[in-house]
Structure formats: structure tokens, C-alpha cells
Amino acid sequence: MSAPGNPAAGGGTDARTRRMIVLIAAIAVAPIVLAYVAYYDWPRMARTNYGELLPAQTLPHIIGATPAGAPFDSAGLHGKWVVLFAAPGECDPTCRQALYASRQARTIQNAERERVQRVWLLTDAAMPAPSLLAEHPDLAVARVSPTALAALPRGLDVMYLVDPLGNLVLAWPANPDIKAMSKDLARLLRASQIG
């Protein structure tokens, strides 16, 4: 018979019990530790928008004329969300893709699409093909001086989103992911109390 306090008496059971308690504690604490590590150490997406968020800047004042000769003034765009793109009137495949993408992104907004105005700023004297303009009946077109566009922060190879107050908000690539672009637009239209 073992004397009390003898480690040989039930020592295996105590060790097994201790291991079981440690295992249960580890199982209980593991989700908390993993959540902490995931929150603080794993890289997170720095943004949720697809387009490049632009630093605070208003759209430069741009004046010109429509192909029909009517005056164009960018101040007249205030009050709407504006998808703006500048390209020569010949409209190469990149230009056509940008026009198509902006049309689709606007159309996807359904009832909210009336809050969005698309604008093509012509940077040369070439006249856009009537067939191309017929594909985009909601498109405002104006011929402007290339120097008038020099203040745009990302140049002419992107599409810009301008808010109803005239602030440049996002820049999208000229050949964008249409679904991602439309999600950006939808998120801003949903969050905005203006325009």
C-alpha cells in the first residue's frame, strides 16, 4: 500500500488530468488569440474602393463648345455626379472601351443613374463618328483646349469621378473592371445626400 504523498500514488492520473485541463484551456483561448493576431498582424486591404482616391481638389474650370457649337462650361455640371473622360475625337479602342465602361457603370445604377452625367472632353479638332455618338445618347460631348486639362491630377489616360460639389473624387483606369467601377459608383450614390 502506498503512503500518502507518494508521487507514485495516482501520479499518472494527475498528469493526465493536468494535460486535459491545459488542452481545454488552449481550445478556449485559441480563438481569442487567433482573432487578435488576425486583427493586428495580418495585412488588411487598405481600401475598399476600386478607383484611386484622389487628394482633395476641385475640378479645374473647363470651358469649350459642343460639336454643335453650343457653349460648354464645367460649372454647369455641379449638382450631379460626373464621370469625365478626355480623348481625341477619333476615339481609339481605349477611348471606346472607356465610353462603354462608363455607360455600363451608369446603367447598372438603375433608378440612380439619372444622378450621373457622363462627359467626353474632346482634346483635338476631330469630330466623333455619328455612329459612336448614337451609341451613347446620354453622353455630353465638348471640345476643349488640351491646356485646359493640364491641371487634372492623373493626366488624360484615366476616367475621373467628380462629385456634385465639383470635387475630384476617384480616378479609374481607361480600361476598367466595369463591375468594380459600378460598385464604387453605387457606394458613393448610396452614401451621398447630395446630387
N, C-alpha and C. Protein backbone atom coordinates (compact mmCIF):
# COMPACT_ATOMS: atom_id res chain seq x y z
N MET A 1 0.84 -1.17 0.00
CA MET A 1 0.00 0.00 0.00
C MET A 1 0.89 1.23 0.00
N SER A 2 0.57 2.25 -0.86
CA SER A 2 1.41 3.43 -0.97
C SER A 2 1.10 4.40 0.15
N ALA A 3 2.14 5.08 0.61
CA ALA A 3 1.97 6.08 1.67
C ALA A 3 1.41 7.34 1.06
N PRO A 4 0.62 8.12 1.88
CA PRO A 4 0.09 9.39 1.37
C PRO A 4 1.22 10.29 0.95
N GLY A 5 1.01 11.05 -0.11
CA GLY A 5 2.03 11.98 -0.59
C GLY A 5 3.04 11.32 -1.50
N ASN A 6 2.96 10.00 -1.66
CA ASN A 6 3.87 9.30 -2.54
C ASN A 6 3.51 9.63 -3.99
N PRO A 7 4.48 10.21 -4.79
CA PRO A 7 4.19 10.58 -6.17
C PRO A 7 3.74 9.40 -7.01
N ALA A 8 4.09 8.20 -6.61
CA ALA A 8 3.70 7.04 -7.39
C ALA A 8 2.22 6.77 -7.27
N ALA A 9 1.58 7.33 -6.20
CA ALA A 9 0.16 7.06 -5.99
C ALA A 9 -0.66 7.95 -6.88
N GLY A 10 -1.22 7.41 -7.92
CA GLY A 10 -2.10 8.16 -8.82
C GLY A 10 -1.39 9.23 -9.62
N GLY A 11 -0.06 9.20 -9.71
CA GLY A 11 0.69 10.23 -10.43
C GLY A 11 0.32 10.32 -11.89
N GLY A 12 0.05 9.19 -12.53
CA GLY A 12 -0.31 9.17 -13.94
C GLY A 12 -1.65 9.83 -14.18
N THR A 13 -2.57 9.64 -13.24
CA THR A 13 -3.91 10.22 -13.38
C THR A 13 -3.83 11.73 -13.25
N ASP A 14 -3.03 12.23 -12.27
CA ASP A 14 -2.89 13.68 -12.08
C ASP A 14 -2.28 14.33 -13.32
N ALA A 15 -1.26 13.73 -13.89
CA ALA A 15 -0.61 14.28 -15.08
C ALA A 15 -1.59 14.31 -16.25
N ARG A 16 -2.35 13.24 -16.37
CA ARG A 16 -3.34 13.16 -17.45
C ARG A 16 -4.42 14.23 -17.25
N THR A 17 -4.85 14.44 -16.02
CA THR A 17 -5.86 15.45 -15.71
C THR A 17 -5.33 16.85 -16.02
N ARG A 18 -4.07 17.10 -15.63
CA ARG A 18 -3.46 18.40 -15.91
C ARG A 18 -3.37 18.66 -17.41
N ARG A 19 -2.96 17.64 -18.15
CA ARG A 19 -2.88 17.79 -19.61
C ARG A 19 -4.25 18.08 -20.21
N MET A 20 -5.27 17.41 -19.69
CA MET A 20 -6.63 17.63 -20.18
C MET A 20 -7.10 19.06 -19.90
N ILE A 21 -6.80 19.58 -18.72
CA ILE A 21 -7.19 20.94 -18.35
C ILE A 21 -6.47 21.96 -19.23
N VAL A 22 -5.16 21.72 -19.46
CA VAL A 22 -4.38 22.62 -20.32
C VAL A 22 -4.93 22.59 -21.74
N LEU A 23 -5.28 21.42 -22.24
CA LEU A 23 -5.84 21.28 -23.59
C LEU A 23 -7.17 22.02 -23.70
N ILE A 24 -8.04 21.86 -22.71
CA ILE A 24 -9.34 22.55 -22.73
C ILE A 24 -9.13 24.06 -22.69
N ALA A 25 -8.20 24.53 -21.86
CA ALA A 25 -7.91 25.97 -21.77
C ALA A 25 -7.36 26.49 -23.10
N ALA A 26 -6.49 25.70 -23.73
CA ALA A 26 -5.92 26.12 -25.02
C ALA A 26 -7.01 26.22 -26.08
N ILE A 27 -7.93 25.26 -26.08
CA ILE A 27 -9.03 25.28 -27.04
C ILE A 27 -9.91 26.51 -26.80
N ALA A 28 -10.13 26.86 -25.54
CA ALA A 28 -10.97 28.01 -25.22
C ALA A 28 -10.30 29.34 -25.57
N VAL A 29 -8.98 29.42 -25.39
CA VAL A 29 -8.25 30.67 -25.61
C VAL A 29 -7.82 30.84 -27.06
N ALA A 30 -7.67 29.77 -27.82
CA ALA A 30 -7.15 29.84 -29.18
C ALA A 30 -7.92 30.80 -30.08
N PRO A 31 -9.26 30.77 -30.11
CA PRO A 31 -9.96 31.72 -30.99
C PRO A 31 -9.67 33.18 -30.65
N ILE A 32 -9.52 33.49 -29.38
CA ILE A 32 -9.23 34.87 -28.97
C ILE A 32 -7.84 35.27 -29.46
N VAL A 33 -6.87 34.39 -29.28
CA VAL A 33 -5.50 34.68 -29.72
C VAL A 33 -5.45 34.82 -31.24
N LEU A 34 -6.12 33.91 -31.96
CA LEU A 34 -6.13 33.98 -33.43
C LEU A 34 -6.80 35.25 -33.92
N ALA A 35 -7.90 35.64 -33.28
CA ALA A 35 -8.59 36.88 -33.67
C ALA A 35 -7.68 38.09 -33.46
N TYR A 36 -6.97 38.11 -32.35
CA TYR A 36 -6.06 39.22 -32.05
C TYR A 36 -4.95 39.29 -33.11
N VAL A 37 -4.35 38.14 -33.42
CA VAL A 37 -3.28 38.09 -34.41
C VAL A 37 -3.82 38.51 -35.78
N ALA A 38 -4.99 38.01 -36.14
CA ALA A 38 -5.57 38.36 -37.44
C ALA A 38 -5.86 39.85 -37.53
N TYR A 39 -6.34 40.45 -36.46
CA TYR A 39 -6.70 41.86 -36.49
C TYR A 39 -5.47 42.76 -36.55
N TYR A 40 -4.45 42.44 -35.77
CA TYR A 40 -3.30 43.34 -35.66
C TYR A 40 -2.12 43.00 -36.56
N ASP A 41 -1.96 41.74 -36.94
CA ASP A 41 -0.75 41.36 -37.66
C ASP A 41 -0.95 40.98 -39.12
N TRP A 42 -2.10 40.49 -39.49
CA TRP A 42 -2.30 40.10 -40.88
C TRP A 42 -2.54 41.34 -41.71
N PRO A 43 -2.00 41.40 -42.92
CA PRO A 43 -2.23 42.58 -43.76
C PRO A 43 -3.70 42.65 -44.16
N ARG A 44 -4.23 43.85 -44.04
CA ARG A 44 -5.62 44.06 -44.44
C ARG A 44 -5.62 44.90 -45.71
N MET A 45 -6.72 44.86 -46.45
CA MET A 45 -6.84 45.72 -47.61
C MET A 45 -6.88 47.17 -47.14
N ALA A 46 -6.08 47.99 -47.74
CA ALA A 46 -6.01 49.38 -47.33
C ALA A 46 -7.24 50.17 -47.76
N ARG A 47 -7.97 49.66 -48.74
CA ARG A 47 -9.13 50.40 -49.22
C ARG A 47 -10.18 49.43 -49.72
N THR A 48 -11.37 49.92 -49.82
CA THR A 48 -12.44 49.08 -50.33
C THR A 48 -12.88 49.54 -51.71
N ASN A 49 -12.39 50.69 -52.15
CA ASN A 49 -12.78 51.18 -53.47
C ASN A 49 -11.83 50.65 -54.54
N TYR A 50 -12.34 50.56 -55.76
CA TYR A 50 -11.55 50.10 -56.89
C TYR A 50 -10.75 51.25 -57.48
N GLY A 51 -11.39 52.39 -57.66
CA GLY A 51 -10.71 53.56 -58.21
C GLY A 51 -9.72 54.15 -57.22
N GLU A 52 -8.79 54.92 -57.75
CA GLU A 52 -7.80 55.59 -56.90
C GLU A 52 -8.43 56.82 -56.25
N LEU A 53 -8.42 56.85 -54.94
CA LEU A 53 -8.96 58.00 -54.22
C LEU A 53 -8.02 59.18 -54.43
N LEU A 54 -8.58 60.30 -54.88
CA LEU A 54 -7.76 61.46 -55.19
C LEU A 54 -7.68 62.42 -54.00
N PRO A 55 -6.55 63.10 -53.84
CA PRO A 55 -6.46 64.09 -52.77
C PRO A 55 -7.46 65.21 -53.03
N ALA A 56 -7.86 65.90 -51.97
CA ALA A 56 -8.87 66.96 -52.09
C ALA A 56 -8.46 67.98 -53.15
N GLN A 57 -9.28 68.08 -54.18
CA GLN A 57 -9.02 69.02 -55.28
C GLN A 57 -10.31 69.21 -56.06
N THR A 58 -10.60 70.42 -56.43
CA THR A 58 -11.79 70.65 -57.24
C THR A 58 -11.43 70.48 -58.71
N LEU A 59 -12.45 70.17 -59.50
CA LEU A 59 -12.26 70.07 -60.95
C LEU A 59 -11.87 71.44 -61.48
N PRO A 60 -10.81 71.53 -62.27
CA PRO A 60 -10.46 72.84 -62.83
C PRO A 60 -11.61 73.38 -63.68
N HIS A 61 -11.74 74.69 -63.73
CA HIS A 61 -12.79 75.30 -64.55
C HIS A 61 -12.46 75.06 -66.02
N ILE A 62 -13.34 74.37 -66.71
CA ILE A 62 -13.11 74.00 -68.10
C ILE A 62 -14.22 74.59 -68.95
N ILE A 63 -13.83 75.31 -69.98
CA ILE A 63 -14.82 75.83 -70.92
C ILE A 63 -14.48 75.35 -72.32
N GLY A 64 -15.48 75.29 -73.16
CA GLY A 64 -15.31 74.84 -74.53
C GLY A 64 -16.61 74.96 -75.28
N ALA A 65 -16.80 74.08 -76.25
CA ALA A 65 -18.02 74.10 -77.05
C ALA A 65 -18.40 72.69 -77.45
N THR A 66 -19.69 72.44 -77.56
CA THR A 66 -20.17 71.14 -78.03
C THR A 66 -19.90 71.02 -79.52
N PRO A 67 -19.94 69.82 -80.07
CA PRO A 67 -19.75 69.69 -81.52
C PRO A 67 -20.75 70.51 -82.33
N ALA A 68 -21.92 70.80 -81.75
CA ALA A 68 -22.92 71.61 -82.45
C ALA A 68 -22.65 73.11 -82.31
N GLY A 69 -21.64 73.46 -81.50
CA GLY A 69 -21.27 74.86 -81.35
C GLY A 69 -21.83 75.54 -80.12
N ALA A 70 -22.61 74.83 -79.30
CA ALA A 70 -23.14 75.42 -78.06
C ALA A 70 -22.02 75.56 -77.04
N PRO A 71 -22.08 76.57 -76.17
CA PRO A 71 -21.02 76.72 -75.17
C PRO A 71 -21.08 75.61 -74.12
N PHE A 72 -19.90 75.24 -73.65
CA PHE A 72 -19.79 74.26 -72.56
C PHE A 72 -19.02 74.91 -71.43
N ASP A 73 -19.50 74.71 -70.20
CA ASP A 73 -18.84 75.24 -69.00
C ASP A 73 -18.95 74.17 -67.92
N SER A 74 -17.82 73.75 -67.37
CA SER A 74 -17.83 72.69 -66.35
C SER A 74 -18.63 73.10 -65.11
N ALA A 75 -18.81 74.40 -64.89
CA ALA A 75 -19.61 74.85 -63.75
C ALA A 75 -21.06 74.35 -63.88
N GLY A 76 -21.50 74.13 -65.09
CA GLY A 76 -22.86 73.63 -65.33
C GLY A 76 -23.05 72.18 -64.92
N LEU A 77 -21.96 71.50 -64.58
CA LEU A 77 -22.05 70.10 -64.16
C LEU A 77 -22.35 69.96 -62.67
N HIS A 78 -22.21 71.04 -61.92
CA HIS A 78 -22.45 70.97 -60.47
C HIS A 78 -23.86 70.49 -60.20
N GLY A 79 -23.98 69.67 -59.16
CA GLY A 79 -25.28 69.12 -58.79
C GLY A 79 -25.45 67.68 -59.23
N LYS A 80 -24.53 67.17 -60.04
CA LYS A 80 -24.58 65.77 -60.47
C LYS A 80 -23.22 65.12 -60.22
N TRP A 81 -23.25 63.80 -60.11
CA TRP A 81 -22.01 63.03 -60.14
C TRP A 81 -21.60 62.95 -61.59
N VAL A 82 -20.33 63.19 -61.88
CA VAL A 82 -19.85 63.25 -63.26
C VAL A 82 -18.75 62.24 -63.48
N VAL A 83 -18.93 61.41 -64.51
CA VAL A 83 -17.86 60.52 -64.97
C VAL A 83 -17.27 61.23 -66.19
N LEU A 84 -16.02 61.66 -66.06
CA LEU A 84 -15.39 62.52 -67.05
C LEU A 84 -14.22 61.80 -67.70
N PHE A 85 -14.13 61.91 -69.02
CA PHE A 85 -13.06 61.27 -69.77
C PHE A 85 -12.63 62.22 -70.88
N ALA A 86 -11.35 62.38 -71.09
CA ALA A 86 -10.82 63.24 -72.15
C ALA A 86 -10.07 62.39 -73.16
N ALA A 87 -10.36 62.62 -74.44
CA ALA A 87 -9.70 61.86 -75.50
C ALA A 87 -9.92 62.57 -76.83
N PRO A 88 -9.08 62.28 -77.82
CA PRO A 88 -9.28 62.85 -79.15
C PRO A 88 -10.60 62.38 -79.78
N GLY A 89 -11.10 63.16 -80.71
CA GLY A 89 -12.36 62.84 -81.37
C GLY A 89 -12.33 61.57 -82.20
N GLU A 90 -11.15 61.16 -82.66
CA GLU A 90 -11.03 59.91 -83.43
C GLU A 90 -11.48 58.71 -82.61
N CYS A 91 -11.26 58.75 -81.32
CA CYS A 91 -11.67 57.71 -80.36
C CYS A 91 -11.12 56.34 -80.73
N ASP A 92 -9.90 56.08 -80.26
CA ASP A 92 -9.25 54.80 -80.49
C ASP A 92 -9.92 53.71 -79.62
N PRO A 93 -9.47 52.46 -79.71
CA PRO A 93 -10.10 51.39 -78.92
C PRO A 93 -10.12 51.65 -77.41
N THR A 94 -9.08 52.29 -76.86
CA THR A 94 -9.07 52.60 -75.43
C THR A 94 -10.18 53.59 -75.10
N CYS A 95 -10.34 54.58 -75.95
CA CYS A 95 -11.40 55.58 -75.78
C CYS A 95 -12.78 54.90 -75.86
N ARG A 96 -12.95 54.03 -76.84
CA ARG A 96 -14.24 53.34 -76.98
C ARG A 96 -14.54 52.47 -75.76
N GLN A 97 -13.50 51.82 -75.22
CA GLN A 97 -13.69 51.00 -74.03
C GLN A 97 -14.08 51.86 -72.84
N ALA A 98 -13.45 53.01 -72.70
CA ALA A 98 -13.79 53.92 -71.60
C ALA A 98 -15.23 54.39 -71.71
N LEU A 99 -15.66 54.74 -72.91
CA LEU A 99 -17.04 55.19 -73.10
C LEU A 99 -18.02 54.06 -72.80
N TYR A 100 -17.70 52.86 -73.26
CA TYR A 100 -18.56 51.70 -72.99
C TYR A 100 -18.63 51.42 -71.49
N ALA A 101 -17.47 51.42 -70.83
CA ALA A 101 -17.44 51.12 -69.40
C ALA A 101 -18.24 52.14 -68.60
N SER A 102 -18.09 53.42 -68.95
CA SER A 102 -18.81 54.45 -68.21
C SER A 102 -20.32 54.32 -68.44
N ARG A 103 -20.71 53.96 -69.66
CA ARG A 103 -22.14 53.77 -69.95
C ARG A 103 -22.69 52.60 -69.14
N GLN A 104 -21.95 51.49 -69.12
CA GLN A 104 -22.43 50.31 -68.39
C GLN A 104 -22.48 50.57 -66.88
N ALA A 105 -21.45 51.21 -66.34
CA ALA A 105 -21.41 51.51 -64.90
C ALA A 105 -22.58 52.41 -64.52
N ARG A 106 -22.92 53.36 -65.38
CA ARG A 106 -24.07 54.24 -65.13
C ARG A 106 -25.37 53.46 -65.23
N THR A 107 -25.52 52.63 -66.26
CA THR A 107 -26.75 51.86 -66.46
C THR A 107 -27.02 50.93 -65.29
N ILE A 108 -25.97 50.33 -64.73
CA ILE A 108 -26.12 49.38 -63.62
C ILE A 108 -26.74 50.06 -62.40
N GLN A 109 -26.66 51.37 -62.32
CA GLN A 109 -27.20 52.09 -61.15
C GLN A 109 -28.74 52.14 -61.17
N ASN A 110 -29.36 51.66 -62.22
CA ASN A 110 -30.82 51.61 -62.35
C ASN A 110 -31.43 52.99 -62.13
N ALA A 111 -32.33 53.13 -61.16
CA ALA A 111 -33.02 54.40 -60.95
C ALA A 111 -32.07 55.53 -60.56
N GLU A 112 -30.95 55.19 -59.95
CA GLU A 112 -29.99 56.20 -59.52
C GLU A 112 -29.16 56.74 -60.69
N ARG A 113 -29.26 56.13 -61.85
CA ARG A 113 -28.40 56.55 -62.97
C ARG A 113 -28.65 57.99 -63.40
N GLU A 114 -29.83 58.52 -63.13
CA GLU A 114 -30.12 59.91 -63.51
C GLU A 114 -29.30 60.90 -62.70
N ARG A 115 -28.71 60.45 -61.62
CA ARG A 115 -27.84 61.31 -60.80
C ARG A 115 -26.43 61.41 -61.38
N VAL A 116 -26.17 60.62 -62.43
CA VAL A 116 -24.82 60.54 -63.01
C VAL A 116 -24.81 61.10 -64.42
N GLN A 117 -23.88 62.00 -64.69
CA GLN A 117 -23.70 62.57 -66.03
C GLN A 117 -22.35 62.12 -66.57
N ARG A 118 -22.35 61.60 -67.79
CA ARG A 118 -21.08 61.22 -68.44
C ARG A 118 -20.65 62.34 -69.36
N VAL A 119 -19.35 62.65 -69.34
CA VAL A 119 -18.83 63.75 -70.15
C VAL A 119 -17.56 63.28 -70.88
N TRP A 120 -17.55 63.51 -72.19
CA TRP A 120 -16.37 63.24 -73.00
C TRP A 120 -15.82 64.59 -73.45
N LEU A 121 -14.62 64.91 -73.02
CA LEU A 121 -13.97 66.14 -73.42
C LEU A 121 -13.05 65.85 -74.60
N LEU A 122 -13.34 66.46 -75.74
CA LEU A 122 -12.55 66.25 -76.94
C LEU A 122 -11.29 67.11 -76.87
N THR A 123 -10.17 66.49 -77.11
CA THR A 123 -8.89 67.21 -76.97
C THR A 123 -8.29 67.64 -78.31
N ASP A 124 -9.00 67.41 -79.40
CA ASP A 124 -8.50 67.83 -80.71
C ASP A 124 -9.66 68.30 -81.57
N ALA A 125 -9.38 68.59 -82.82
CA ALA A 125 -10.40 69.14 -83.72
C ALA A 125 -11.22 68.06 -84.42
N ALA A 126 -10.86 66.78 -84.25
CA ALA A 126 -11.57 65.71 -84.95
C ALA A 126 -13.00 65.58 -84.43
N MET A 127 -13.91 65.31 -85.34
CA MET A 127 -15.31 65.13 -84.98
C MET A 127 -15.58 63.65 -84.70
N PRO A 128 -16.18 63.33 -83.56
CA PRO A 128 -16.52 61.92 -83.29
C PRO A 128 -17.49 61.38 -84.33
N ALA A 129 -17.37 60.09 -84.61
CA ALA A 129 -18.25 59.45 -85.58
C ALA A 129 -19.70 59.52 -85.10
N PRO A 130 -20.64 59.91 -85.96
CA PRO A 130 -22.05 59.95 -85.56
C PRO A 130 -22.55 58.61 -85.03
N SER A 131 -22.05 57.51 -85.58
CA SER A 131 -22.49 56.19 -85.11
C SER A 131 -22.04 55.95 -83.66
N LEU A 132 -20.86 56.45 -83.32
CA LEU A 132 -20.37 56.31 -81.95
C LEU A 132 -21.23 57.14 -81.00
N LEU A 133 -21.53 58.36 -81.38
CA LEU A 133 -22.35 59.22 -80.54
C LEU A 133 -23.76 58.64 -80.38
N ALA A 134 -24.25 57.97 -81.42
CA ALA A 134 -25.58 57.35 -81.34
C ALA A 134 -25.62 56.22 -80.32
N GLU A 135 -24.47 55.57 -80.08
CA GLU A 135 -24.40 54.50 -79.08
C GLU A 135 -24.44 55.06 -77.66
N HIS A 136 -24.23 56.36 -77.52
CA HIS A 136 -24.12 56.99 -76.19
C HIS A 136 -25.02 58.23 -76.12
N PRO A 137 -26.33 58.04 -76.17
CA PRO A 137 -27.23 59.21 -76.21
C PRO A 137 -27.20 60.06 -74.94
N ASP A 138 -26.78 59.52 -73.81
CA ASP A 138 -26.74 60.28 -72.56
C ASP A 138 -25.41 60.99 -72.34
N LEU A 139 -24.52 60.93 -73.31
CA LEU A 139 -23.16 61.45 -73.18
C LEU A 139 -23.10 62.92 -73.57
N ALA A 140 -22.55 63.76 -72.69
CA ALA A 140 -22.28 65.15 -73.03
C ALA A 140 -20.90 65.21 -73.65
N VAL A 141 -20.78 65.87 -74.80
CA VAL A 141 -19.51 65.95 -75.52
C VAL A 141 -19.15 67.42 -75.70
N ALA A 142 -17.90 67.76 -75.41
CA ALA A 142 -17.45 69.15 -75.58
C ALA A 142 -16.01 69.17 -76.04
N ARG A 143 -15.71 70.08 -76.95
CA ARG A 143 -14.33 70.26 -77.41
C ARG A 143 -13.68 71.32 -76.53
N VAL A 144 -12.53 70.98 -75.96
CA VAL A 144 -11.82 71.91 -75.07
C VAL A 144 -10.36 71.96 -75.48
N SER A 145 -9.68 72.98 -75.01
CA SER A 145 -8.26 73.10 -75.28
C SER A 145 -7.50 72.10 -74.40
N PRO A 146 -6.50 71.41 -74.96
CA PRO A 146 -5.71 70.49 -74.12
C PRO A 146 -5.07 71.18 -72.92
N THR A 147 -4.75 72.45 -73.05
CA THR A 147 -4.15 73.17 -71.92
C THR A 147 -5.16 73.33 -70.77
N ALA A 148 -6.45 73.32 -71.10
CA ALA A 148 -7.47 73.44 -70.06
C ALA A 148 -7.48 72.20 -69.16
N LEU A 149 -6.96 71.09 -69.67
CA LEU A 149 -6.99 69.83 -68.92
C LEU A 149 -5.67 69.55 -68.20
N ALA A 150 -4.71 70.45 -68.34
CA ALA A 150 -3.38 70.22 -67.77
C ALA A 150 -3.41 70.10 -66.26
N ALA A 151 -4.42 70.67 -65.61
CA ALA A 151 -4.48 70.63 -64.14
C ALA A 151 -5.09 69.34 -63.59
N LEU A 152 -5.55 68.45 -64.45
CA LEU A 152 -6.11 67.19 -63.95
C LEU A 152 -4.98 66.38 -63.31
N PRO A 153 -5.18 65.87 -62.11
CA PRO A 153 -4.08 65.27 -61.34
C PRO A 153 -3.47 64.01 -61.93
N ARG A 154 -4.20 63.24 -62.70
CA ARG A 154 -3.66 61.99 -63.24
C ARG A 154 -3.56 62.01 -64.77
N GLY A 155 -3.58 63.19 -65.35
CA GLY A 155 -3.46 63.29 -66.79
C GLY A 155 -4.73 62.89 -67.51
N LEU A 156 -4.58 62.49 -68.77
CA LEU A 156 -5.74 62.21 -69.61
C LEU A 156 -5.98 60.73 -69.85
N ASP A 157 -5.18 59.87 -69.26
CA ASP A 157 -5.31 58.44 -69.53
C ASP A 157 -6.19 57.71 -68.52
N VAL A 158 -6.99 58.44 -67.78
CA VAL A 158 -7.88 57.85 -66.79
C VAL A 158 -9.27 58.47 -66.92
N MET A 159 -10.23 57.84 -66.27
CA MET A 159 -11.56 58.43 -66.12
C MET A 159 -11.66 59.00 -64.72
N TYR A 160 -12.31 60.12 -64.60
CA TYR A 160 -12.45 60.79 -63.30
C TYR A 160 -13.90 60.74 -62.84
N LEU A 161 -14.07 60.64 -61.53
CA LEU A 161 -15.38 60.82 -60.93
C LEU A 161 -15.35 62.14 -60.17
N VAL A 162 -16.31 63.00 -60.49
CA VAL A 162 -16.43 64.31 -59.86
C VAL A 162 -17.72 64.32 -59.06
N ASP A 163 -17.66 64.80 -57.82
CA ASP A 163 -18.88 64.82 -57.00
C ASP A 163 -19.75 66.03 -57.34
N PRO A 164 -20.98 66.10 -56.83
CA PRO A 164 -21.88 67.20 -57.18
C PRO A 164 -21.40 68.58 -56.76
N LEU A 165 -20.41 68.65 -55.89
CA LEU A 165 -19.87 69.94 -55.48
C LEU A 165 -18.67 70.36 -56.33
N GLY A 166 -18.31 69.52 -57.30
CA GLY A 166 -17.20 69.83 -58.19
C GLY A 166 -15.85 69.33 -57.72
N ASN A 167 -15.83 68.42 -56.74
CA ASN A 167 -14.58 67.86 -56.25
C ASN A 167 -14.21 66.59 -57.01
N LEU A 168 -12.95 66.48 -57.38
CA LEU A 168 -12.46 65.24 -57.97
C LEU A 168 -12.39 64.19 -56.86
N VAL A 169 -12.99 63.02 -57.08
CA VAL A 169 -13.09 62.00 -56.04
C VAL A 169 -12.23 60.78 -56.36
N LEU A 170 -12.44 60.20 -57.52
CA LEU A 170 -11.75 58.96 -57.90
C LEU A 170 -11.17 59.08 -59.30
N ALA A 171 -10.14 58.28 -59.56
CA ALA A 171 -9.61 58.09 -60.91
C ALA A 171 -9.64 56.60 -61.21
N TRP A 172 -10.27 56.24 -62.32
CA TRP A 172 -10.32 54.85 -62.77
C TRP A 172 -9.44 54.69 -64.00
N PRO A 173 -8.91 53.49 -64.23
CA PRO A 173 -8.17 53.28 -65.49
C PRO A 173 -9.11 53.43 -66.68
N ALA A 174 -8.56 53.77 -67.82
CA ALA A 174 -9.38 53.96 -69.03
C ALA A 174 -10.01 52.65 -69.48
N ASN A 175 -9.44 51.53 -69.09
CA ASN A 175 -10.00 50.22 -69.42
C ASN A 175 -10.33 49.52 -68.11
N PRO A 176 -11.39 49.95 -67.42
CA PRO A 176 -11.63 49.49 -66.05
C PRO A 176 -12.38 48.16 -65.98
N ASP A 177 -12.39 47.61 -64.78
CA ASP A 177 -13.27 46.50 -64.44
C ASP A 177 -14.64 47.14 -64.22
N ILE A 178 -15.58 46.86 -65.11
CA ILE A 178 -16.87 47.55 -65.09
C ILE A 178 -17.64 47.27 -63.80
N LYS A 179 -17.62 46.02 -63.34
CA LYS A 179 -18.34 45.71 -62.10
C LYS A 179 -17.76 46.46 -60.91
N ALA A 180 -16.43 46.50 -60.83
CA ALA A 180 -15.78 47.19 -59.71
C ALA A 180 -16.05 48.69 -59.79
N MET A 181 -16.02 49.23 -61.00
CA MET A 181 -16.30 50.65 -61.19
C MET A 181 -17.73 50.97 -60.78
N SER A 182 -18.67 50.12 -61.17
CA SER A 182 -20.08 50.36 -60.82
C SER A 182 -20.31 50.24 -59.32
N LYS A 183 -19.55 49.37 -58.66
CA LYS A 183 -19.66 49.25 -57.20
C LYS A 183 -19.19 50.52 -56.51
N ASP A 184 -18.07 51.09 -57.00
CA ASP A 184 -17.61 52.38 -56.47
C ASP A 184 -18.71 53.42 -56.59
N LEU A 185 -19.29 53.48 -57.78
CA LEU A 185 -20.33 54.47 -58.06
C LEU A 185 -21.55 54.25 -57.16
N ALA A 186 -21.97 52.99 -57.06
CA ALA A 186 -23.15 52.66 -56.23
C ALA A 186 -22.92 53.02 -54.77
N ARG A 187 -21.72 52.73 -54.27
CA ARG A 187 -21.41 53.02 -52.87
C ARG A 187 -21.49 54.52 -52.60
N LEU A 188 -20.96 55.31 -53.51
CA LEU A 188 -20.97 56.76 -53.32
C LEU A 188 -22.38 57.34 -53.48
N LEU A 189 -23.13 56.84 -54.44
CA LEU A 189 -24.51 57.32 -54.62
C LEU A 189 -25.36 56.98 -53.39
N ARG A 190 -25.13 55.81 -52.84
CA ARG A 190 -25.88 55.38 -51.66
C ARG A 190 -25.54 56.23 -50.45
N ALA A 191 -24.26 56.57 -50.30
CA ALA A 191 -23.81 57.31 -49.13
C ALA A 191 -24.07 58.81 -49.25
N SER A 192 -24.22 59.30 -50.47
CA SER A 192 -24.31 60.75 -50.69
C SER A 192 -25.71 61.29 -50.43
N GLN A 193 -25.76 62.44 -49.78
CA GLN A 193 -27.02 63.14 -49.56
C GLN A 193 -27.19 64.26 -50.58
N ILE A 194 -26.20 64.42 -51.46
CA ILE A 194 -26.26 65.48 -52.46
C ILE A 194 -26.23 64.87 -53.84
N GLY A 195 -26.67 65.63 -54.81
CA GLY A 195 -26.65 65.16 -56.20
C GLY A 195 -27.55 64.00 -56.41
